[in-house]
N, C-alpha and C. Protein backbone atom coordinates (compact mmCIF):
# COMPACT_ATOMS: atom_id res chain seq x y z
N MET A 1 0.88 -1.09 -0.15
CA MET A 1 0.04 -0.11 0.10
C MET A 1 0.93 1.26 0.00
N GLU A 2 0.43 2.39 -0.67
CA GLU A 2 1.00 3.54 -0.50
C GLU A 2 0.81 4.28 0.79
N ARG A 3 1.99 4.94 1.38
CA ARG A 3 1.86 5.68 2.50
C ARG A 3 0.70 6.49 2.77
N ILE A 4 0.32 7.33 1.38
CA ILE A 4 -0.85 8.04 1.67
C ILE A 4 -2.18 7.59 1.94
N GLU A 5 -2.06 6.18 1.20
CA GLU A 5 -3.52 5.36 1.23
C GLU A 5 -3.35 4.96 2.77
N ALA A 6 -2.31 4.68 3.43
CA ALA A 6 -2.51 4.06 4.87
C ALA A 6 -2.93 5.51 5.87
N ILE A 7 -2.19 6.54 5.43
CA ILE A 7 -2.57 7.60 6.18
C ILE A 7 -4.08 7.93 5.97
N LYS A 8 -4.73 8.04 4.90
CA LYS A 8 -6.15 8.19 4.63
C LYS A 8 -7.00 7.32 5.15
N THR A 9 -6.43 5.89 5.32
CA THR A 9 -7.31 4.90 6.10
C THR A 9 -7.41 5.09 7.50
N ILE A 10 -6.32 5.49 8.13
CA ILE A 10 -6.19 5.72 9.68
C ILE A 10 -7.03 7.05 9.81
N ILE A 11 -6.78 8.15 9.00
CA ILE A 11 -7.36 9.20 9.37
C ILE A 11 -8.78 9.17 9.36
N LYS A 12 -9.45 8.46 8.41
CA LYS A 12 -10.99 8.35 8.51
C LYS A 12 -11.50 7.46 9.68
N GLN A 13 -10.67 7.08 10.34
CA GLN A 13 -11.03 6.41 11.51
C GLN A 13 -10.88 6.91 12.93
N LEU A 14 -10.31 8.17 12.95
CA LEU A 14 -9.96 8.99 14.06
C LEU A 14 -11.05 10.27 14.31
N ASP A 15 -11.16 10.82 15.32
CA ASP A 15 -12.12 11.83 15.74
C ASP A 15 -11.37 13.11 16.01
N ASP A 16 -10.96 13.18 17.44
CA ASP A 16 -10.39 14.44 17.93
C ASP A 16 -9.24 14.29 18.64
N GLU A 17 -8.41 13.21 17.94
CA GLU A 17 -7.04 12.85 18.72
C GLU A 17 -6.33 14.29 18.16
N LEU A 18 -5.24 14.44 18.82
CA LEU A 18 -4.06 15.06 18.49
C LEU A 18 -3.06 14.50 17.73
N ILE A 19 -2.71 14.87 16.65
CA ILE A 19 -1.77 14.18 15.89
C ILE A 19 -0.29 14.99 15.57
N ILE A 20 0.70 14.44 15.76
CA ILE A 20 2.05 14.87 15.41
C ILE A 20 2.22 13.76 14.31
N CYS A 21 2.78 14.65 13.12
CA CYS A 21 3.15 14.04 11.96
C CYS A 21 4.68 14.25 11.57
N ASN A 22 5.33 13.21 11.20
CA ASN A 22 6.63 13.16 10.86
C ASN A 22 7.09 14.19 9.64
N LEU A 23 8.12 14.77 9.65
CA LEU A 23 8.42 15.79 8.59
C LEU A 23 8.18 15.34 7.33
N GLY A 24 8.41 16.30 6.40
CA GLY A 24 8.63 16.15 4.98
C GLY A 24 7.16 15.55 4.25
N PHE A 25 7.24 14.68 3.44
CA PHE A 25 6.09 14.19 2.76
C PHE A 25 5.10 13.46 3.64
N PRO A 26 5.34 12.90 4.64
CA PRO A 26 4.12 12.38 5.30
C PRO A 26 3.32 13.38 5.86
N SER A 27 4.04 14.67 6.13
CA SER A 27 3.01 15.83 6.75
C SER A 27 2.35 16.61 5.61
N ARG A 28 3.08 16.33 4.40
CA ARG A 28 2.34 16.87 3.20
C ARG A 28 1.12 16.15 2.94
N GLU A 29 1.41 14.82 2.96
CA GLU A 29 0.40 13.98 2.64
C GLU A 29 -0.86 13.99 3.44
N LEU A 30 -0.76 14.19 4.82
CA LEU A 30 -1.78 14.34 5.92
C LEU A 30 -2.53 15.57 5.71
N TYR A 31 -1.64 16.57 5.42
CA TYR A 31 -2.09 18.05 4.94
C TYR A 31 -3.21 17.94 3.98
N SER A 32 -2.83 17.19 2.76
CA SER A 32 -3.62 17.20 1.49
C SER A 32 -4.91 16.34 1.88
N ILE A 33 -4.93 15.25 2.77
CA ILE A 33 -5.85 14.57 3.00
C ILE A 33 -7.00 15.22 3.83
N LYS A 34 -6.40 15.94 4.92
CA LYS A 34 -7.48 16.57 5.73
C LYS A 34 -6.47 17.45 6.78
N ASP A 35 -6.74 18.70 6.47
CA ASP A 35 -6.18 19.69 7.52
C ASP A 35 -6.97 19.83 8.68
N SER A 36 -6.33 19.96 9.92
CA SER A 36 -6.92 20.49 11.03
C SER A 36 -5.89 20.83 12.02
N PRO A 37 -6.38 22.08 12.81
CA PRO A 37 -5.59 22.48 14.00
C PRO A 37 -5.11 21.36 14.79
N ARG A 38 -5.67 20.22 15.04
CA ARG A 38 -5.28 19.10 15.71
C ARG A 38 -3.96 18.57 15.16
N HIS A 39 -3.66 19.02 14.01
CA HIS A 39 -2.36 18.37 13.49
C HIS A 39 -1.20 19.04 13.55
N PHE A 40 -0.07 18.74 14.04
CA PHE A 40 1.37 19.33 14.08
C PHE A 40 2.10 18.65 13.18
N TYR A 41 2.32 19.58 12.01
CA TYR A 41 3.14 18.98 10.98
C TYR A 41 4.75 19.25 11.15
N MET A 42 5.41 18.41 10.92
CA MET A 42 6.84 18.53 11.52
C MET A 42 7.40 19.30 10.09
N LEU A 43 8.18 20.34 10.34
CA LEU A 43 8.74 20.59 9.18
C LEU A 43 10.37 20.74 9.10
N GLY A 44 10.74 19.84 10.14
CA GLY A 44 12.04 19.86 10.50
C GLY A 44 12.30 18.90 11.68
N SER A 45 13.49 18.85 12.05
CA SER A 45 13.69 18.05 13.39
C SER A 45 13.40 16.52 13.20
N MET A 46 14.09 16.03 12.38
CA MET A 46 13.97 14.61 11.81
C MET A 46 14.16 13.63 12.95
N GLY A 47 13.21 12.81 13.06
CA GLY A 47 13.35 11.86 14.29
C GLY A 47 12.84 12.45 15.57
N MET A 48 12.43 13.46 15.74
CA MET A 48 11.66 14.05 16.81
C MET A 48 10.32 13.82 16.90
N ALA A 49 9.33 13.60 15.95
CA ALA A 49 7.77 13.31 16.01
C ALA A 49 7.66 12.36 17.27
N SER A 50 8.11 11.03 17.46
CA SER A 50 7.95 10.48 18.37
C SER A 50 8.50 11.11 20.01
N SER A 51 9.22 12.01 20.12
CA SER A 51 9.59 12.49 21.39
C SER A 51 8.62 13.78 21.47
N ILE A 52 8.21 14.52 20.59
CA ILE A 52 7.39 15.42 20.87
C ILE A 52 5.96 14.66 21.07
N GLY A 53 5.56 13.95 20.49
CA GLY A 53 4.19 13.10 21.00
C GLY A 53 4.43 12.70 22.11
N LEU A 54 5.40 12.02 22.70
CA LEU A 54 5.53 11.53 24.14
C LEU A 54 5.35 12.72 25.12
N GLY A 55 6.13 13.69 24.73
CA GLY A 55 6.00 15.16 25.76
C GLY A 55 4.54 15.55 25.72
N LEU A 56 3.83 15.60 24.64
CA LEU A 56 2.58 15.82 24.32
C LEU A 56 1.66 14.86 25.18
N ALA A 57 1.79 13.58 25.19
CA ALA A 57 0.97 12.62 25.72
C ALA A 57 0.99 12.88 27.14
N LEU A 58 2.03 12.97 27.62
CA LEU A 58 2.40 13.04 29.39
C LEU A 58 1.65 14.16 29.91
N THR A 59 1.26 15.31 28.95
CA THR A 59 0.52 16.42 29.64
C THR A 59 -0.84 16.49 29.12
N GLN A 60 -1.52 15.53 28.43
CA GLN A 60 -2.96 15.52 28.06
C GLN A 60 -3.54 14.31 28.36
N LYS A 61 -4.80 14.29 28.42
CA LYS A 61 -5.62 13.20 28.84
C LYS A 61 -6.10 12.74 27.51
N ARG A 62 -6.29 13.40 26.33
CA ARG A 62 -6.84 12.84 25.18
C ARG A 62 -6.03 11.91 24.39
N LYS A 63 -6.26 11.22 23.65
CA LYS A 63 -5.23 10.48 22.70
C LYS A 63 -4.22 11.25 21.90
N VAL A 64 -3.14 10.76 21.67
CA VAL A 64 -2.06 11.44 21.17
C VAL A 64 -1.43 10.34 19.87
N ILE A 65 -1.70 10.79 18.70
CA ILE A 65 -1.43 9.67 17.66
C ILE A 65 -0.16 10.36 17.09
N VAL A 66 1.06 9.60 16.77
CA VAL A 66 2.21 10.17 16.33
C VAL A 66 2.44 9.16 14.91
N PHE A 67 2.38 10.02 13.88
CA PHE A 67 2.87 9.28 12.49
C PHE A 67 4.26 9.60 12.46
N GLU A 68 5.21 8.63 12.53
CA GLU A 68 6.77 8.25 12.44
C GLU A 68 7.20 7.58 11.12
N GLY A 69 7.96 7.87 10.59
CA GLY A 69 8.61 7.32 9.62
C GLY A 69 9.89 6.17 10.21
N ASP A 70 10.08 5.20 9.33
CA ASP A 70 11.11 4.12 10.11
C ASP A 70 12.40 4.94 10.04
N GLY A 71 12.86 5.69 9.01
CA GLY A 71 14.17 6.44 8.97
C GLY A 71 14.25 7.29 10.06
N SER A 72 13.04 8.04 10.48
CA SER A 72 13.03 8.99 11.47
C SER A 72 13.12 8.18 13.03
N LEU A 73 12.68 7.11 13.04
CA LEU A 73 12.66 6.47 14.17
C LEU A 73 13.88 5.77 14.35
N LEU A 74 14.40 5.26 13.49
CA LEU A 74 15.87 4.98 13.62
C LEU A 74 16.84 5.78 13.92
N MET A 75 16.86 7.25 13.52
CA MET A 75 17.69 8.30 13.98
C MET A 75 17.56 8.55 15.53
N ASN A 76 16.31 8.23 15.91
CA ASN A 76 16.11 8.32 17.45
C ASN A 76 15.63 7.03 18.07
N LEU A 77 16.23 6.11 18.14
CA LEU A 77 15.93 4.84 18.69
C LEU A 77 15.57 5.09 20.33
N GLY A 78 16.42 5.86 21.05
CA GLY A 78 15.93 6.22 22.26
C GLY A 78 14.71 6.72 22.66
N SER A 79 13.96 7.02 21.67
CA SER A 79 12.58 7.67 21.83
C SER A 79 11.65 6.32 22.14
N LEU A 80 11.79 5.43 21.66
CA LEU A 80 11.02 3.89 21.85
C LEU A 80 11.45 3.59 23.40
N VAL A 81 12.60 3.65 23.80
CA VAL A 81 12.96 3.25 25.25
C VAL A 81 12.26 4.25 26.16
N THR A 82 12.23 5.48 25.81
CA THR A 82 11.73 6.58 26.62
C THR A 82 10.16 6.38 26.79
N ILE A 83 9.52 6.02 25.55
CA ILE A 83 8.26 6.01 25.48
C ILE A 83 7.63 4.79 26.29
N TYR A 84 8.57 3.61 26.40
CA TYR A 84 8.11 2.28 26.95
C TYR A 84 8.32 2.68 28.59
N SER A 85 9.50 3.47 28.88
CA SER A 85 9.66 3.58 30.18
C SER A 85 8.75 4.52 30.97
N GLN A 86 8.06 5.55 30.06
CA GLN A 86 7.23 6.31 30.53
C GLN A 86 5.76 5.85 30.72
N SER A 87 5.51 5.07 29.55
CA SER A 87 4.18 4.35 29.33
C SER A 87 3.05 5.27 29.43
N PRO A 88 2.94 6.22 28.75
CA PRO A 88 1.73 7.05 28.67
C PRO A 88 0.58 6.25 28.11
N LYS A 89 -0.64 6.24 28.82
CA LYS A 89 -1.67 5.29 28.33
C LYS A 89 -2.57 5.82 27.05
N ASN A 90 -2.24 7.23 26.85
CA ASN A 90 -2.79 7.91 25.81
C ASN A 90 -2.08 7.76 24.48
N LEU A 91 -0.96 7.08 24.26
CA LEU A 91 0.01 7.41 22.92
C LEU A 91 -0.21 6.21 22.11
N ILE A 92 -0.11 6.53 20.86
CA ILE A 92 -0.36 5.60 19.92
C ILE A 92 0.53 5.98 18.78
N LEU A 93 1.93 5.29 18.55
CA LEU A 93 2.83 5.54 17.85
C LEU A 93 2.67 4.50 16.40
N ILE A 94 2.34 5.39 15.44
CA ILE A 94 2.31 4.63 13.95
C ILE A 94 3.42 4.85 13.30
N ILE A 95 4.13 3.63 13.10
CA ILE A 95 5.42 3.57 12.13
C ILE A 95 4.93 3.31 10.85
N LEU A 96 5.25 4.30 9.96
CA LEU A 96 5.15 4.17 8.52
C LEU A 96 6.21 3.81 7.81
N ASP A 97 6.61 2.49 7.72
CA ASP A 97 7.63 1.98 7.36
C ASP A 97 7.74 1.42 5.94
N ASN A 98 8.43 2.32 5.06
CA ASN A 98 8.56 2.06 3.68
C ASN A 98 10.21 1.46 3.51
N GLY A 99 11.02 1.38 4.41
CA GLY A 99 12.40 0.86 4.30
C GLY A 99 13.13 2.05 3.61
N CYS A 100 12.60 3.15 3.59
CA CYS A 100 13.63 4.38 3.15
C CYS A 100 13.55 5.74 3.64
N TYR A 101 14.23 6.39 3.44
CA TYR A 101 14.26 7.97 3.81
C TYR A 101 13.71 8.58 2.60
N ALA A 102 12.37 8.55 2.57
CA ALA A 102 11.63 8.96 1.21
C ALA A 102 11.79 10.51 0.87
N THR A 103 11.72 11.47 1.94
CA THR A 103 11.73 12.63 1.78
C THR A 103 13.21 13.00 1.24
N THR A 104 14.35 12.47 1.50
CA THR A 104 15.69 12.83 0.99
C THR A 104 16.22 12.09 -0.20
N GLY A 105 15.23 11.30 -0.74
CA GLY A 105 15.79 10.67 -1.91
C GLY A 105 15.70 9.11 -1.93
N SER A 106 15.01 8.63 -1.29
CA SER A 106 14.52 7.04 -0.95
C SER A 106 15.79 6.37 -0.70
N GLN A 107 17.00 6.70 -0.17
CA GLN A 107 17.98 6.02 0.47
C GLN A 107 17.30 4.93 1.25
N CYS A 108 17.90 3.58 1.11
CA CYS A 108 17.28 2.61 2.20
C CYS A 108 17.88 2.96 3.47
N THR A 109 16.71 2.54 4.41
CA THR A 109 17.18 2.38 5.83
C THR A 109 17.62 0.94 6.37
N TYR A 110 17.83 0.85 7.77
CA TYR A 110 17.96 -0.37 8.12
C TYR A 110 16.83 -1.22 8.42
N ALA A 111 15.72 -0.55 8.31
CA ALA A 111 14.40 -1.22 8.74
C ALA A 111 14.25 -2.16 7.35
N LEU A 112 14.91 -2.44 6.62
CA LEU A 112 14.85 -3.63 5.74
C LEU A 112 15.65 -4.81 6.11
N LYS A 113 16.37 -4.70 7.10
CA LYS A 113 17.17 -5.60 8.04
C LYS A 113 16.71 -5.88 9.38
N VAL A 114 15.96 -4.89 9.82
CA VAL A 114 15.47 -4.86 11.37
C VAL A 114 14.04 -4.78 11.42
N ASP A 115 13.19 -5.52 11.98
CA ASP A 115 11.80 -5.30 12.08
C ASP A 115 11.67 -4.50 13.25
N LEU A 116 10.86 -3.30 12.83
CA LEU A 116 10.74 -2.37 13.93
C LEU A 116 9.63 -2.66 15.00
N GLY A 117 8.63 -3.71 14.50
CA GLY A 117 7.61 -4.16 15.53
C GLY A 117 8.32 -4.98 16.43
N GLU A 118 9.20 -6.02 16.07
CA GLU A 118 10.04 -6.88 17.05
C GLU A 118 11.01 -5.90 17.69
N LEU A 119 11.62 -5.08 17.17
CA LEU A 119 12.45 -4.12 18.24
C LEU A 119 11.60 -3.68 19.29
N ALA A 120 10.60 -3.35 19.13
CA ALA A 120 9.61 -2.48 20.25
C ALA A 120 9.17 -3.51 20.89
N LYS A 121 9.05 -4.83 20.66
CA LYS A 121 8.74 -5.95 21.57
C LYS A 121 9.74 -6.31 22.22
N GLY A 122 11.01 -6.34 21.95
CA GLY A 122 12.37 -6.35 22.62
C GLY A 122 12.48 -5.24 23.76
N ILE A 123 12.06 -4.27 23.46
CA ILE A 123 12.24 -3.22 24.29
C ILE A 123 11.26 -3.66 25.65
N GLY A 124 10.22 -4.17 25.22
CA GLY A 124 9.10 -4.47 26.21
C GLY A 124 7.68 -4.03 25.90
N PHE A 125 7.22 -3.46 24.78
CA PHE A 125 6.07 -3.07 24.30
C PHE A 125 5.30 -4.28 24.28
N LYS A 126 3.97 -4.36 24.86
CA LYS A 126 3.06 -5.50 24.73
C LYS A 126 1.98 -5.25 23.63
N LYS A 127 1.49 -4.19 23.43
CA LYS A 127 0.56 -3.98 22.27
C LYS A 127 1.26 -3.40 21.09
N ILE A 128 1.54 -4.30 20.12
CA ILE A 128 1.99 -4.16 18.85
C ILE A 128 1.05 -4.64 17.95
N PHE A 129 0.71 -3.74 16.82
CA PHE A 129 -0.26 -4.16 16.03
C PHE A 129 0.63 -3.97 14.42
N LYS A 130 0.47 -4.84 13.62
CA LYS A 130 0.98 -4.73 12.15
C LYS A 130 0.12 -5.14 11.20
N PHE A 131 0.32 -4.00 10.25
CA PHE A 131 -0.67 -3.97 8.92
C PHE A 131 0.14 -3.81 7.80
N GLU A 132 -0.24 -4.63 6.74
CA GLU A 132 0.20 -4.58 5.52
C GLU A 132 -0.70 -4.22 4.24
N LYS A 133 -1.81 -4.12 4.73
CA LYS A 133 -2.93 -3.66 3.46
C LYS A 133 -3.82 -2.88 4.08
N PRO A 134 -4.30 -1.84 3.48
CA PRO A 134 -5.35 -1.09 3.94
C PRO A 134 -6.69 -1.42 4.69
N HIS A 135 -7.01 -2.78 4.01
CA HIS A 135 -8.48 -3.18 4.53
C HIS A 135 -8.01 -3.99 6.09
N GLU A 136 -6.95 -4.10 6.31
CA GLU A 136 -6.48 -4.79 7.55
C GLU A 136 -6.58 -3.69 8.66
N ILE A 137 -6.43 -2.40 8.35
CA ILE A 137 -6.10 -1.35 9.40
C ILE A 137 -7.45 -1.11 10.08
N ASN A 138 -7.61 -1.43 11.40
CA ASN A 138 -8.95 -1.23 12.20
C ASN A 138 -8.50 -0.48 13.35
N MET A 139 -8.43 0.78 13.37
CA MET A 139 -8.12 1.74 14.57
C MET A 139 -9.20 1.61 15.80
N ARG A 140 -10.45 1.15 15.65
CA ARG A 140 -11.19 1.22 16.67
C ARG A 140 -10.92 0.58 17.99
N PRO A 141 -10.44 -0.71 17.87
CA PRO A 141 -10.09 -1.48 19.21
C PRO A 141 -8.67 -0.84 19.58
N ILE A 142 -7.81 -0.24 18.72
CA ILE A 142 -6.51 0.12 19.20
C ILE A 142 -7.05 1.49 19.82
N LEU A 143 -7.82 2.39 19.24
CA LEU A 143 -8.14 3.72 20.08
C LEU A 143 -8.85 3.48 21.57
N GLU A 144 -9.63 2.18 21.50
CA GLU A 144 -10.18 2.06 22.79
C GLU A 144 -9.23 1.38 23.84
N ASP A 145 -8.20 1.08 23.64
CA ASP A 145 -7.28 0.08 24.43
C ASP A 145 -6.36 1.46 25.07
N GLU A 146 -5.66 0.89 26.15
CA GLU A 146 -4.61 1.86 26.58
C GLU A 146 -3.19 1.60 25.97
N GLY A 147 -2.60 2.70 26.24
CA GLY A 147 -1.13 2.56 25.45
C GLY A 147 -0.08 2.52 26.66
N PRO A 148 1.00 2.52 26.07
CA PRO A 148 1.30 2.94 24.76
C PRO A 148 1.35 1.87 23.84
N ILE A 149 1.06 2.14 22.41
CA ILE A 149 0.62 0.98 21.40
C ILE A 149 1.73 1.55 20.31
N ILE A 150 2.11 0.38 19.64
CA ILE A 150 2.83 0.59 18.35
C ILE A 150 2.11 0.08 17.31
N VAL A 151 1.76 0.95 16.19
CA VAL A 151 1.39 0.10 15.07
C VAL A 151 2.11 0.40 13.81
N HIS A 152 2.47 -0.62 13.48
CA HIS A 152 3.78 -0.75 12.48
C HIS A 152 3.04 -1.32 11.10
N VAL A 153 3.13 -0.11 10.24
CA VAL A 153 2.34 -0.21 9.01
C VAL A 153 3.57 -0.34 7.94
N LYS A 154 3.47 -1.28 7.21
CA LYS A 154 4.27 -1.63 6.05
C LYS A 154 3.71 -0.84 4.60
N VAL A 155 4.50 0.19 4.14
CA VAL A 155 4.13 0.71 3.20
C VAL A 155 5.11 0.77 2.16
N GLU A 156 4.94 1.17 0.76
CA GLU A 156 5.77 0.94 -0.45
C GLU A 156 6.51 2.18 -0.33
N PRO A 157 7.84 2.29 -0.78
CA PRO A 157 8.57 3.19 -0.99
C PRO A 157 7.71 4.70 -1.85
N GLY A 158 8.15 5.69 -1.89
CA GLY A 158 7.66 6.58 -2.68
C GLY A 158 6.81 7.72 -1.94
N ASN A 159 6.48 8.85 -2.73
CA ASN A 159 6.06 9.86 -2.13
C ASN A 159 4.83 10.25 -3.15
N ALA A 160 3.67 10.65 -2.35
CA ALA A 160 2.38 11.23 -3.45
C ALA A 160 2.64 12.62 -3.80
N ASP A 161 2.15 12.82 -5.03
CA ASP A 161 2.37 14.07 -5.59
C ASP A 161 1.25 14.84 -4.87
N VAL A 162 1.59 15.70 -3.85
CA VAL A 162 0.88 16.57 -2.95
C VAL A 162 1.61 17.92 -3.00
N PRO A 163 0.88 18.83 -2.92
CA PRO A 163 1.65 20.21 -2.69
C PRO A 163 2.17 20.34 -1.33
N ILE A 164 2.76 21.51 -1.41
CA ILE A 164 3.59 21.86 -0.06
C ILE A 164 2.62 22.37 1.04
N ILE A 165 2.75 22.29 2.13
CA ILE A 165 2.05 22.98 3.18
C ILE A 165 2.13 24.42 3.20
N ASP A 166 0.96 25.02 2.99
CA ASP A 166 0.87 26.60 2.75
C ASP A 166 0.71 27.35 3.99
N LEU A 167 0.95 26.73 5.13
CA LEU A 167 1.21 27.57 6.40
C LEU A 167 2.57 27.45 6.91
N ASN A 168 2.92 28.45 7.46
CA ASN A 168 4.35 28.56 7.89
C ASN A 168 4.26 28.17 9.24
N PRO A 169 5.63 27.98 9.53
CA PRO A 169 5.84 27.30 11.15
C PRO A 169 4.98 27.97 12.27
N GLU A 170 5.03 29.34 12.18
CA GLU A 170 4.39 30.03 13.34
C GLU A 170 2.84 29.72 13.36
N GLU A 171 2.26 29.69 12.13
CA GLU A 171 0.83 29.26 12.19
C GLU A 171 0.51 27.90 12.58
N ILE A 172 1.31 27.08 11.98
CA ILE A 172 1.12 25.65 12.40
C ILE A 172 1.13 25.75 14.15
N ILE A 173 2.28 25.95 14.67
CA ILE A 173 2.21 25.99 16.15
C ILE A 173 1.08 26.77 16.92
N SER A 174 0.92 28.07 16.48
CA SER A 174 -0.09 28.65 17.17
C SER A 174 -1.45 28.09 17.04
N ARG A 175 -1.90 27.61 15.92
CA ARG A 175 -3.08 27.20 15.90
C ARG A 175 -3.23 25.82 16.79
N PHE A 176 -2.01 25.00 16.54
CA PHE A 176 -2.01 23.69 17.37
C PHE A 176 -1.90 23.89 19.01
N MET A 177 -1.36 24.96 19.42
CA MET A 177 -1.43 25.19 20.84
C MET A 177 -2.56 25.75 21.30
N LYS A 178 -3.53 26.38 20.46
CA LYS A 178 -5.04 27.10 20.87
C LYS A 178 -5.70 25.63 21.21
N ILE A 179 -5.65 24.77 20.16
CA ILE A 179 -6.26 23.61 20.63
C ILE A 179 -5.90 23.01 21.56
N VAL A 180 -4.63 22.52 21.91
CA VAL A 180 -4.12 21.93 22.95
C VAL A 180 -4.41 22.63 24.42
N SER A 181 -4.54 24.09 24.43
CA SER A 181 -4.66 24.58 25.62
C SER A 181 -5.93 24.73 25.80
N SER A 182 -6.87 24.69 24.89
CA SER A 182 -8.34 24.71 25.07
C SER A 182 -8.82 23.44 25.50
N GLY A 183 -8.29 22.46 25.48
CA GLY A 183 -8.72 21.06 25.81
C GLY A 183 -9.80 20.68 24.82
N LYS A 184 -9.96 21.22 23.77
CA LYS A 184 -11.13 20.89 22.86
C LYS A 184 -10.37 19.84 21.75
């Protein structure tokens, strides 16, 4: 499945969760599918979506969903250990695993040799779901469960032909922080 197809399938099943999205094309794809002030689009800081999502989850009661790429997660593997150690019940980490650094030119990652779901299991995560086809993705039971939860979604390499995000970083953070501080 294409990454944009996976994101679209997941987004259709979400309600008012806060979403932190990995930088580059994943953020652009999410923005093109459904823009929301509840979405924080990473425009830099590769590998930090999972850490930002963890910090947010520790301060919120509502669910926090993180879309992270395999390459970004591999750049910050310490975030998996920290997420497991902190164990926020409201965090769902979705790993969009295409085996490459798609935004920077599709160079291969080590996710081709290392199963990130198995790595999470080795750290101690108990709730790990793996999907390879869009019709398999069912977020309802995942959303009803307590986290932290890992959702490992295998996707094909490549980027959708979507426009850039026409919001500047200040607009993205300002509208996101308004939603976070309002509790809505």
